[in-house]
């Protein structure tokens, strides 16, 4: 992004401020907040209020009415099922250059598996999971997941595949004397470096705290990391996007209205049952001043006073159409799983022991949803490899031109008996390696193959010893 400080041209700081303000008020950021809220089962029903009209026909909140707020965790289950299905099992990385592959694994570290799973949850809830890449003060390669609601990307292309720059905006709590205050921080990342700002109402100022140890002659844009106490740059914006789908949309986008209506329907039925609205009282010659007093006397004293010989209280029963409500929210539940591309584990379709074909059909929607996530996560891993290779170069370690591929191993629901039978029937038709990888009891195929080879060697050694013993006995 180029800027000109001449008259009638935006400065970089003015442009950043515009982008930040627009993003904070945007529907996209609101949807990110909603995605995380619904994952934490903080649905919109929790904010519902029930109103009545006062004497001036104005709506006011009625605190006396029963107001059940049943918030259902559909999004929590849908997202967790998706992430566990695709990203929880250990991934597999392959490369023809084995030594280089080991270097890559060492750079990423053992906890990268957990990082991938967290990115899956973040992307599902907010549309994109952002991974920040940096070198620690100890000289180690590190990654950090930055919340998507803090990241404002600027792309060079319409496909959103190459970053031109990225603005990060977030709040921090600080103490000024004994008073706690909230400050807004803004960071502007380019392929060459990063500039640190503070946002104060409608202006940006250089964040002086970030430049305390910086030479006065150093420009405001600092390098991404230090090598031998000298600033260096990655050559790319050090943020890697892991997208949820082509539209960078959270999963909530496609089912929010259905979940809201489910919450509302179940809450209204609960309200009805709690208030016993099926009973309406016809009052003749009631001596009270208002209906609220009548309900209080009836509830507390189990009796009310009436006037005259004709006075009386007659209950009129009205039926609650529970069946209609039940039918409605059961259909809503089915729609949520259908359009959310999830698996309703309480569905009658699952049965006691569904066949492999039935399971594939039931999981077809989840498979389709995971295909999109998998494609974009593989693409994100390719972008991450640029920074891994750059780090290897900086630390004087060998870099290979061979491509490192990552495979996400799905935790596929199967009928174990059918799968074991298929493995047995595949002996001699396909390789032993493929059979081992598809056996339902095998957690680590490589370790299992090594163990099989070890056991086979032991059997052969025992057989050789027996044969040697037989020959010796014969000679004697």
Protein backbone atom coordinates (compact mmCIF):
# COMPACT_ATOMS: atom_id res chain seq x y z
CA UNK A 1 0.00 0.00 0.00
CA UNK A 2 1.53 3.29 -1.14
CA UNK A 3 0.77 6.60 0.55
CA UNK A 4 1.42 10.23 -0.26
CA UNK A 5 1.64 12.92 2.36
CA UNK A 6 0.80 15.71 -0.06
CA UNK A 7 -2.41 17.73 0.21
CA UNK A 8 -5.67 15.80 -0.45
CA UNK A 9 -3.91 12.43 -0.13
CA UNK A 10 -4.39 10.02 2.74
CA UNK A 11 -1.46 9.40 5.02
CA UNK A 12 -0.80 5.83 6.08
CA UNK A 13 -2.07 6.57 9.60
CA UNK A 14 -5.29 8.11 8.30
CA UNK A 15 -5.91 5.09 6.09
CA UNK A 16 -5.24 2.64 8.94
CA UNK A 17 -7.66 4.53 11.19
CA UNK A 18 -10.40 4.37 8.54
CA UNK A 19 -9.86 0.63 8.05
CA UNK A 20 -9.89 -0.03 11.79
CA UNK A 21 -13.10 1.92 12.42
CA UNK A 22 -14.89 0.30 9.48
CA UNK A 23 -13.81 -3.17 10.55
CA UNK A 24 -14.87 -2.73 14.17
CA UNK A 25 -18.37 -1.70 13.03
CA UNK A 26 -18.63 -4.28 10.22
CA UNK A 27 -21.07 -7.19 9.87
CA UNK A 28 -18.10 -9.49 9.33
CA UNK A 29 -16.67 -8.76 12.76
CA UNK A 30 -20.13 -9.04 14.34
CA UNK A 31 -20.47 -12.49 12.80
CA UNK A 32 -17.10 -13.48 14.31
CA UNK A 33 -18.33 -12.43 17.75
CA UNK A 34 -21.58 -14.34 17.24
CA UNK A 35 -19.72 -17.45 16.08
CA UNK A 36 -17.66 -17.53 19.26
CA UNK A 37 -20.67 -16.72 21.46
CA UNK A 38 -22.77 -19.55 20.04
CA UNK A 39 -19.84 -21.96 20.40
CA UNK A 40 -19.76 -21.01 24.09
CA UNK A 41 -23.57 -21.49 24.20
CA UNK A 42 -24.21 -17.78 24.78
CA UNK A 43 -27.05 -17.64 22.25
CA UNK A 44 -29.22 -14.61 21.52
CA UNK A 45 -32.07 -16.11 23.58
CA UNK A 46 -30.08 -15.16 26.69
CA UNK A 47 -30.78 -11.49 25.92
CA UNK A 48 -34.53 -11.92 25.48
CA UNK A 49 -36.88 -9.65 27.43
CA UNK A 50 -40.65 -9.92 27.84
CA UNK A 51 -42.62 -6.69 27.60
CA UNK A 52 -46.03 -5.48 28.68
CA UNK A 53 -47.82 -2.22 27.92
CA UNK A 54 -48.22 0.43 30.62
CA UNK A 55 -51.14 2.84 31.04
CA UNK A 56 -49.78 5.00 28.22
CA UNK A 57 -49.57 1.98 25.88
CA UNK A 58 -45.78 2.06 25.99
CA UNK A 59 -43.86 -1.23 26.12
CA UNK A 60 -41.97 -1.81 29.37
CA UNK A 61 -40.02 -4.84 30.58
CA UNK A 62 -42.24 -7.14 32.65
CA UNK A 63 -40.09 -8.59 35.42
CA UNK A 64 -43.00 -10.58 36.84
CA UNK A 65 -43.41 -12.84 33.82
CA UNK A 66 -41.66 -16.19 33.54
CA UNK A 67 -38.84 -15.78 31.04
CA UNK A 68 -37.05 -19.07 30.45
CA UNK A 69 -33.92 -18.73 28.30
CA UNK A 70 -33.00 -22.17 27.02
CA UNK A 71 -29.75 -21.83 25.11
CA UNK A 72 -28.87 -25.00 23.16
CA UNK A 73 -25.29 -25.93 22.30
CA UNK A 74 -25.77 -26.97 18.68
CA UNK A 75 -22.78 -24.95 17.45
CA UNK A 76 -20.52 -26.35 20.14
CA UNK A 77 -21.35 -29.89 19.07
CA UNK A 78 -21.22 -29.18 15.34
CA UNK A 79 -17.81 -27.49 15.54
CA UNK A 80 -16.29 -30.02 17.95
CA UNK A 81 -17.50 -32.94 15.82
CA UNK A 82 -15.98 -31.35 12.72
CA UNK A 83 -12.62 -30.57 14.34
CA UNK A 84 -12.37 -33.95 16.07
CA UNK A 85 -13.32 -35.73 12.85
CA UNK A 86 -10.64 -34.04 10.73
CA UNK A 87 -7.90 -32.56 12.90
CA UNK A 88 -7.62 -34.38 16.23
CA UNK A 89 -5.93 -37.56 15.00
CA UNK A 90 -2.17 -37.08 14.44
CA UNK A 91 -1.47 -35.73 10.95
CA UNK A 92 1.13 -37.29 8.65
CA UNK A 93 3.91 -35.33 6.97
CA UNK A 94 5.79 -36.89 4.07
CA UNK A 95 8.80 -35.82 2.01
CA UNK A 96 11.34 -37.61 -0.15
CA UNK A 97 14.15 -35.87 1.73
CA UNK A 98 13.93 -37.60 5.13
CA UNK A 99 16.63 -35.49 6.83
CA UNK A 100 14.92 -32.28 5.75
CA UNK A 101 11.57 -33.64 6.95
CA UNK A 102 13.01 -34.25 10.41
CA UNK A 103 14.27 -30.65 10.50
CA UNK A 104 10.79 -29.39 9.60
CA UNK A 105 9.19 -31.50 12.33
CA UNK A 106 11.71 -30.21 14.88
CA UNK A 107 11.04 -26.59 13.88
CA UNK A 108 7.26 -26.95 14.16
CA UNK A 109 7.53 -28.86 17.44
CA UNK A 110 5.29 -31.47 19.02
CA UNK A 111 2.58 -29.00 20.03
CA UNK A 112 1.86 -27.98 16.44
CA UNK A 113 -0.76 -30.78 16.34
CA UNK A 114 -2.67 -28.97 19.10
CA UNK A 115 -2.22 -25.65 17.30
CA UNK A 116 -3.81 -27.08 14.14
CA UNK A 117 -6.85 -28.29 16.10
CA UNK A 118 -7.29 -24.87 17.76
CA UNK A 119 -7.05 -23.21 14.36
CA UNK A 120 -9.82 -25.53 13.17
CA UNK A 121 -12.10 -24.34 15.96
CA UNK A 122 -11.16 -20.70 15.34
CA UNK A 123 -11.78 -20.94 11.60
CA UNK A 124 -15.11 -22.73 12.12
CA UNK A 125 -16.30 -20.05 14.55
CA UNK A 126 -14.94 -16.97 12.77
CA UNK A 127 -14.30 -17.84 9.13
CA UNK A 128 -10.48 -17.69 9.29
CA UNK A 129 -7.87 -18.74 11.83
CA UNK A 130 -4.75 -16.56 11.83
CA UNK A 131 -1.33 -17.97 12.73
CA UNK A 132 1.34 -15.43 13.61
CA UNK A 133 4.93 -16.52 12.95
CA UNK A 134 7.89 -15.13 14.91
CA UNK A 135 11.34 -15.94 16.30
CA UNK A 136 11.59 -15.83 20.08
CA UNK A 137 14.31 -14.08 22.05
CA UNK A 138 15.90 -17.54 22.46
CA UNK A 139 16.15 -17.90 18.70
CA UNK A 140 13.38 -20.51 18.42
CA UNK A 141 10.72 -20.66 15.71
CA UNK A 142 7.34 -19.93 17.28
CA UNK A 143 3.72 -19.68 16.16
CA UNK A 144 0.83 -17.97 17.93
CA UNK A 145 -2.86 -18.02 17.07
CA UNK A 146 -4.17 -14.44 16.91
CA UNK A 147 -7.97 -14.01 17.33
CA UNK A 148 -9.59 -13.32 13.97
CA UNK A 149 -11.55 -10.36 15.37
CA UNK A 150 -8.21 -8.58 15.83
CA UNK A 151 -6.99 -9.06 12.24
CA UNK A 152 -7.72 -6.82 9.25
CA UNK A 153 -6.08 -8.28 6.14
CA UNK A 154 -5.43 -6.39 2.92
CA UNK A 155 -5.01 -8.69 -0.07
CA UNK A 156 -3.21 -8.15 -3.34
CA UNK A 157 -5.66 -10.38 -5.26
CA UNK A 158 -9.39 -11.07 -5.44
CA UNK A 159 -8.89 -14.70 -4.42
CA UNK A 160 -7.43 -13.59 -1.08
CA UNK A 161 -4.32 -15.73 -1.43
CA UNK A 162 -1.52 -13.19 -0.99
CA UNK A 163 -1.32 -10.61 1.78
CA UNK A 164 -0.22 -7.08 0.99
CA UNK A 165 -0.37 -6.01 4.64
CA UNK A 166 -2.27 -6.75 7.83
CA UNK A 167 -3.55 -4.50 10.60
CA UNK A 168 -3.97 -5.93 14.07
CA UNK A 169 -6.16 -4.05 16.59
CA UNK A 170 -6.71 -5.13 20.19
CA UNK A 171 -7.29 -3.74 23.69
CA UNK A 172 -5.03 -4.13 26.71
CA UNK A 173 -5.58 -3.22 30.35
CA UNK A 174 -2.89 -1.00 31.87
CA UNK A 175 -2.42 0.83 35.13
CA UNK A 176 -1.76 4.56 35.18
CA UNK A 177 -0.86 5.11 38.80
CA UNK A 178 -3.57 3.26 40.72
CA UNK A 179 -6.17 3.60 38.00
CA UNK A 180 -6.87 0.77 35.55
CA UNK A 181 -7.44 1.87 31.96
CA UNK A 182 -8.05 0.18 28.63
CA UNK A 183 -5.80 1.15 25.72
CA UNK A 184 -6.27 0.24 22.08
CA UNK A 185 -3.15 -1.03 20.33
CA UNK A 186 -2.73 -1.09 16.56
CA UNK A 187 0.03 -2.96 14.72
CA UNK A 188 0.68 -2.53 11.00
CA UNK A 189 2.48 -5.45 9.33
CA UNK A 190 4.09 -5.40 5.87
CA UNK A 191 6.51 -7.83 4.21
CA UNK A 192 9.36 -5.58 5.39
CA UNK A 193 8.41 -4.95 9.02
CA UNK A 194 5.92 -3.76 11.61
CA UNK A 195 4.90 -0.37 13.02
CA UNK A 196 3.34 -0.05 16.48
CA UNK A 197 0.61 2.48 17.29
CA UNK A 198 -1.81 3.46 20.03
CA UNK A 199 -5.35 4.44 19.10
CA UNK A 200 -6.73 7.37 21.05
CA UNK A 201 -10.27 8.18 19.98
CA UNK A 202 -9.88 9.22 16.33
CA UNK A 203 -6.15 9.44 16.00
CA UNK A 204 -3.14 7.13 15.82
CA UNK A 205 0.06 7.79 17.70
CA UNK A 206 3.32 5.89 17.70
CA UNK A 207 3.39 3.52 20.67
CA UNK A 208 6.41 4.87 22.51
CA UNK A 209 6.66 1.82 24.78
CA UNK A 210 7.57 -0.38 21.83
CA UNK A 211 10.51 1.85 20.87
CA UNK A 212 12.24 2.32 24.24
CA UNK A 213 15.23 0.18 23.23
CA UNK A 214 15.32 1.39 19.65
CA UNK A 215 17.95 3.76 18.30
CA UNK A 216 16.58 7.23 17.58
CA UNK A 217 17.82 6.91 14.00
CA UNK A 218 15.81 3.71 13.51
CA UNK A 219 12.65 4.23 11.39
CA UNK A 220 9.25 3.56 12.96
CA UNK A 221 8.86 0.42 10.89
CA UNK A 222 10.89 -2.23 12.70
CA UNK A 223 11.96 -5.61 11.36
CA UNK A 224 10.04 -8.77 12.19
CA UNK A 225 12.82 -10.35 14.25
CA UNK A 226 16.43 -9.87 15.31
CA UNK A 227 19.55 -11.76 14.24
CA UNK A 228 22.78 -10.86 16.05
CA UNK A 229 20.97 -7.83 17.51
CA UNK A 230 20.06 -6.61 14.03
CA UNK A 231 16.50 -6.35 12.68
CA UNK A 232 15.61 -8.72 9.82
CA UNK A 233 12.41 -9.33 7.86
CA UNK A 234 10.59 -12.43 6.69
CA UNK A 235 10.00 -10.99 3.24
CA UNK A 236 6.28 -11.71 3.69
CA UNK A 237 3.59 -10.56 6.09
CA UNK A 238 4.15 -12.94 9.04
CA UNK A 239 0.52 -14.07 9.28
CA UNK A 240 -0.79 -17.31 7.76
CA UNK A 241 -4.56 -17.64 7.12
CA UNK A 242 -6.25 -20.99 7.72
CA UNK A 243 -9.66 -20.55 6.13
CA UNK A 244 -12.92 -22.31 6.91
CA UNK A 245 -14.28 -22.23 3.36
CA UNK A 246 -14.10 -20.31 0.09
CA UNK A 247 -16.25 -17.50 1.50
CA UNK A 248 -14.25 -17.17 4.76
CA UNK A 249 -17.56 -17.55 6.62
CA UNK A 250 -18.13 -19.15 10.04
CA UNK A 251 -20.35 -22.22 10.27
CA UNK A 252 -22.93 -20.28 12.28
CA UNK A 253 -23.81 -18.23 9.19
CA UNK A 254 -25.74 -21.14 7.70
CA UNK A 255 -27.83 -22.20 10.72
CA UNK A 256 -28.19 -19.21 13.07
CA UNK A 257 -31.85 -18.49 12.33
CA UNK A 258 -32.72 -22.16 12.85
CA UNK A 259 -30.93 -22.32 16.21
CA UNK A 260 -32.55 -19.07 17.33
CA UNK A 261 -36.01 -20.39 16.51
CA UNK A 262 -35.27 -23.69 18.26
CA UNK A 263 -34.18 -21.81 21.39
CA UNK A 264 -37.28 -19.61 21.21
CA UNK A 265 -39.70 -22.50 20.70
CA UNK A 266 -38.31 -24.56 23.55
CA UNK A 267 -38.20 -21.51 25.84
CA UNK A 268 -41.81 -20.56 25.06
CA UNK A 269 -43.05 -24.08 25.80
CA UNK A 270 -41.12 -23.97 29.08
CA UNK A 271 -42.69 -20.60 29.91
CA UNK A 272 -46.15 -21.99 29.19
CA UNK A 273 -45.65 -24.98 31.43
CA UNK A 274 -44.18 -22.84 34.21
CA UNK A 275 -47.09 -20.37 34.20
CA UNK A 276 -49.77 -23.01 33.71
CA UNK A 277 -51.35 -20.86 31.05
CA UNK A 278 -53.76 -23.66 30.23
CA UNK A 279 -55.99 -22.35 33.06
CA UNK A 280 -57.96 -19.12 32.49
CA UNK A 281 -60.16 -17.81 35.34
CA UNK A 282 -63.59 -16.26 34.77
CA UNK A 283 -64.24 -13.80 37.66
CA UNK A 284 -67.71 -12.87 38.84
CA UNK A 285 -68.05 -10.22 41.56
CA UNK A 286 -64.35 -10.29 42.41
CA UNK A 287 -63.60 -8.04 45.38
CA UNK A 288 -59.96 -7.31 44.51
CA UNK A 289 -58.60 -4.25 42.81
CA UNK A 290 -56.61 -5.83 39.99
CA UNK A 291 -55.63 -9.15 38.40
CA UNK A 292 -52.16 -9.12 39.94
CA UNK A 293 -53.74 -9.10 43.40
CA UNK A 294 -56.04 -11.96 42.39
CA UNK A 295 -53.11 -14.14 41.22
CA UNK A 296 -51.18 -13.31 44.41
CA UNK A 297 -54.12 -14.26 46.68
CA UNK A 298 -54.74 -17.45 44.72
CA UNK A 299 -51.09 -18.48 44.84
CA UNK A 300 -50.41 -17.51 48.47
CA UNK A 301 -53.72 -18.09 50.31
CA UNK A 302 -55.17 -20.63 47.91
CA UNK A 303 -58.38 -18.54 48.14
CA UNK A 304 -59.90 -15.26 46.91
CA UNK A 305 -62.75 -13.01 48.13
CA UNK A 306 -65.76 -12.38 45.92
CA UNK A 307 -68.79 -10.02 46.27
CA UNK A 308 -72.47 -10.81 46.35
CA UNK A 309 -74.50 -13.89 45.84
CA UNK A 310 -73.50 -14.19 42.19
CA UNK A 311 -69.76 -13.88 42.89
CA UNK A 312 -67.50 -16.75 41.96
CA UNK A 313 -64.35 -17.90 40.26
CA UNK A 314 -64.66 -20.38 37.44
CA UNK A 315 -61.55 -21.96 35.84
CA UNK A 316 -61.65 -22.41 32.07
CA UNK A 317 -59.32 -25.08 30.80
CA UNK A 318 -57.43 -24.52 27.55
CA UNK A 319 -55.33 -27.21 25.95
CA UNK A 320 -51.63 -26.67 25.24
CA UNK A 321 -50.82 -28.06 21.84
CA UNK A 322 -47.57 -29.67 22.94
CA UNK A 323 -47.58 -32.08 19.99
CA UNK A 324 -47.49 -29.23 17.47
CA UNK A 325 -44.64 -27.52 19.31
CA UNK A 326 -42.74 -30.81 19.62
CA UNK A 327 -43.17 -31.54 15.94
CA UNK A 328 -41.92 -28.03 15.11
CA UNK A 329 -38.73 -28.11 17.15
CA UNK A 330 -37.93 -31.69 16.13
CA UNK A 331 -38.07 -30.56 12.50
CA UNK A 332 -35.90 -27.57 13.42
CA UNK A 333 -33.36 -29.91 15.00
CA UNK A 334 -33.27 -32.02 11.84
CA UNK A 335 -32.81 -28.88 9.72
CA UNK A 336 -29.95 -27.67 11.93
CA UNK A 337 -28.02 -30.90 11.40
CA UNK A 338 -28.92 -31.06 7.69
CA UNK A 339 -27.94 -27.49 6.81
CA UNK A 340 -25.12 -27.44 9.37
CA UNK A 341 -23.79 -30.62 7.69
CA UNK A 342 -23.45 -32.40 11.00
CA UNK A 343 -24.34 -35.80 12.39
CA UNK A 344 -27.24 -36.17 14.79
CA UNK A 345 -25.99 -39.01 16.99
CA UNK A 346 -29.50 -39.45 18.45
CA UNK A 347 -31.02 -39.99 15.03
CA UNK A 348 -32.95 -43.19 14.38
CA UNK A 349 -30.89 -43.59 11.20
CA UNK A 350 -27.84 -44.64 13.21
CA UNK A 351 -29.53 -47.69 14.72
CA UNK A 352 -27.66 -50.11 16.95
CA UNK A 353 -24.90 -51.16 14.56
CA UNK A 354 -25.09 -49.41 11.18
CA UNK A 355 -23.19 -50.90 8.27
CA UNK A 356 -20.20 -49.22 6.65
CA UNK A 357 -22.34 -48.03 3.74
CA UNK A 358 -24.96 -46.55 6.09
CA UNK A 359 -22.26 -44.75 8.08
CA UNK A 360 -20.79 -43.26 4.92
CA UNK A 361 -24.22 -41.94 3.97
CA UNK A 362 -24.86 -40.51 7.46
CA UNK A 363 -21.43 -38.83 7.53
CA UNK A 364 -21.60 -37.56 3.93
CA UNK A 365 -22.54 -34.00 4.95
CA UNK A 366 -19.74 -33.81 7.50
CA UNK A 367 -17.32 -35.16 4.91
CA UNK A 368 -18.27 -32.42 2.44
CA UNK A 369 -17.84 -29.72 5.08
CA UNK A 370 -14.47 -31.13 6.10
CA UNK A 371 -13.29 -31.30 2.47
CA UNK A 372 -13.43 -27.52 2.24
CA UNK A 373 -11.65 -27.04 5.57
CA UNK A 374 -9.01 -29.63 4.63
CA UNK A 375 -8.24 -27.98 1.28
CA UNK A 376 -7.71 -24.57 2.86
CA UNK A 377 -5.70 -25.98 5.78
CA UNK A 378 -3.36 -27.76 3.36
CA UNK A 379 -2.98 -24.47 1.52
CA UNK A 380 -2.29 -22.70 4.82
CA UNK A 381 0.39 -25.29 5.62
CA UNK A 382 2.04 -24.58 2.26
CA UNK A 383 2.20 -20.88 3.17
CA UNK A 384 3.62 -21.76 6.58
CA UNK A 385 6.43 -23.76 4.95
CA UNK A 386 7.80 -20.52 3.47
CA UNK A 387 8.51 -19.26 7.00
CA UNK A 388 9.89 -22.63 8.14
CA UNK A 389 12.36 -22.63 5.23
CA UNK A 390 13.28 -19.00 5.91
CA UNK A 391 14.00 -19.89 9.54
CA UNK A 392 16.19 -22.83 8.47
CA UNK A 393 18.14 -20.45 6.23
CA UNK A 394 18.55 -17.87 9.02
CA UNK A 395 19.79 -20.54 11.44
CA UNK A 396 22.17 -22.01 8.82
CA UNK A 397 20.34 -25.33 8.51
CA UNK A 398 19.92 -27.17 5.20
CA UNK A 399 16.81 -26.46 3.14
CA UNK A 400 15.50 -28.85 0.50
CA UNK A 401 13.62 -28.16 -2.70
CA UNK A 402 11.52 -31.26 -2.02
CA UNK A 403 7.91 -30.55 -1.12
CA UNK A 404 6.58 -31.46 2.33
CA UNK A 405 3.01 -32.73 2.17
CA UNK A 406 0.64 -32.90 5.11
CA UNK A 407 -2.16 -35.46 5.36
CA UNK A 408 -5.00 -35.05 7.82
CA UNK A 409 -6.15 -38.46 9.06
CA UNK A 410 -9.89 -38.43 9.62
CA UNK A 411 -11.37 -40.11 12.65
CA UNK A 412 -13.90 -41.98 10.53
CA UNK A 413 -16.78 -43.77 12.21
CA UNK A 414 -16.76 -47.39 11.09
CA UNK A 415 -18.30 -50.75 11.83
CA UNK A 416 -15.27 -52.49 13.37
CA UNK A 417 -16.39 -56.04 12.53
CA UNK A 418 -16.90 -55.13 8.87
CA UNK A 419 -13.55 -53.33 8.73
CA UNK A 420 -11.60 -56.24 10.27
CA UNK A 421 -13.27 -58.68 7.89
CA UNK A 422 -12.37 -56.44 4.95
CA UNK A 423 -8.74 -56.33 6.15
CA UNK A 424 -8.60 -60.13 6.30
CA UNK A 425 -10.14 -60.47 2.84
CA UNK A 426 -7.60 -57.99 1.45
CA UNK A 427 -4.59 -60.16 2.30
CA UNK A 428 -2.60 -60.80 -0.88
CA UNK A 429 -4.65 -58.26 -2.85
CA UNK A 430 -3.16 -55.03 -1.51
CA UNK A 431 0.02 -54.27 0.42
CA UNK A 432 0.37 -55.11 4.10
CA UNK A 433 1.11 -51.43 4.78
CA UNK A 434 -2.29 -50.37 3.40
CA UNK A 435 -4.06 -53.08 5.39
CA UNK A 436 -2.36 -52.01 8.63
CA UNK A 437 -3.22 -48.34 8.03
CA UNK A 438 -6.90 -49.21 7.60
CA UNK A 439 -7.23 -51.60 10.53
CA UNK A 440 -9.53 -50.06 13.17
CA UNK A 441 -7.33 -51.07 16.13
CA UNK A 442 -4.18 -49.41 14.78
CA UNK A 443 -3.47 -45.92 16.16
CA UNK A 444 0.04 -45.40 14.69
CA UNK A 445 0.53 -47.29 11.45
CA UNK A 446 4.30 -46.69 11.27
CA UNK A 447 4.85 -48.02 14.80
CA UNK A 448 2.58 -50.99 14.11
CA UNK A 449 4.54 -51.88 10.97
CA UNK A 450 7.80 -51.67 12.92
CA UNK A 451 6.36 -53.92 15.64
CA UNK A 452 5.17 -56.45 13.04
CA UNK A 453 8.64 -56.51 11.48
CA UNK A 454 10.21 -56.96 14.92
CA UNK A 455 7.88 -59.85 15.76
CA UNK A 456 8.48 -61.47 12.36
CA UNK A 457 12.26 -61.25 12.90
CA UNK A 458 11.89 -62.86 16.33
CA UNK A 459 9.85 -65.71 14.83
CA UNK A 460 12.44 -66.29 12.13
CA UNK A 461 15.25 -66.26 14.72
CA UNK A 462 13.43 -68.82 16.87
CA UNK A 463 12.82 -71.00 13.82
CA UNK A 464 16.50 -70.78 12.83
CA UNK A 465 17.56 -71.79 16.34
CA UNK A 466 15.18 -74.75 16.28
CA UNK A 467 16.49 -75.86 12.90
CA UNK A 468 20.07 -75.54 14.16
CA UNK A 469 19.22 -77.60 17.22
CA UNK A 470 17.64 -80.38 15.16
CA UNK A 471 20.73 -80.64 12.97
CA UNK A 472 23.06 -80.82 15.98
CA UNK A 473 20.95 -83.53 17.63
CA UNK A 474 21.07 -85.61 14.45
CA UNK A 475 24.86 -85.36 14.19
CA UNK A 476 25.31 -86.62 17.74
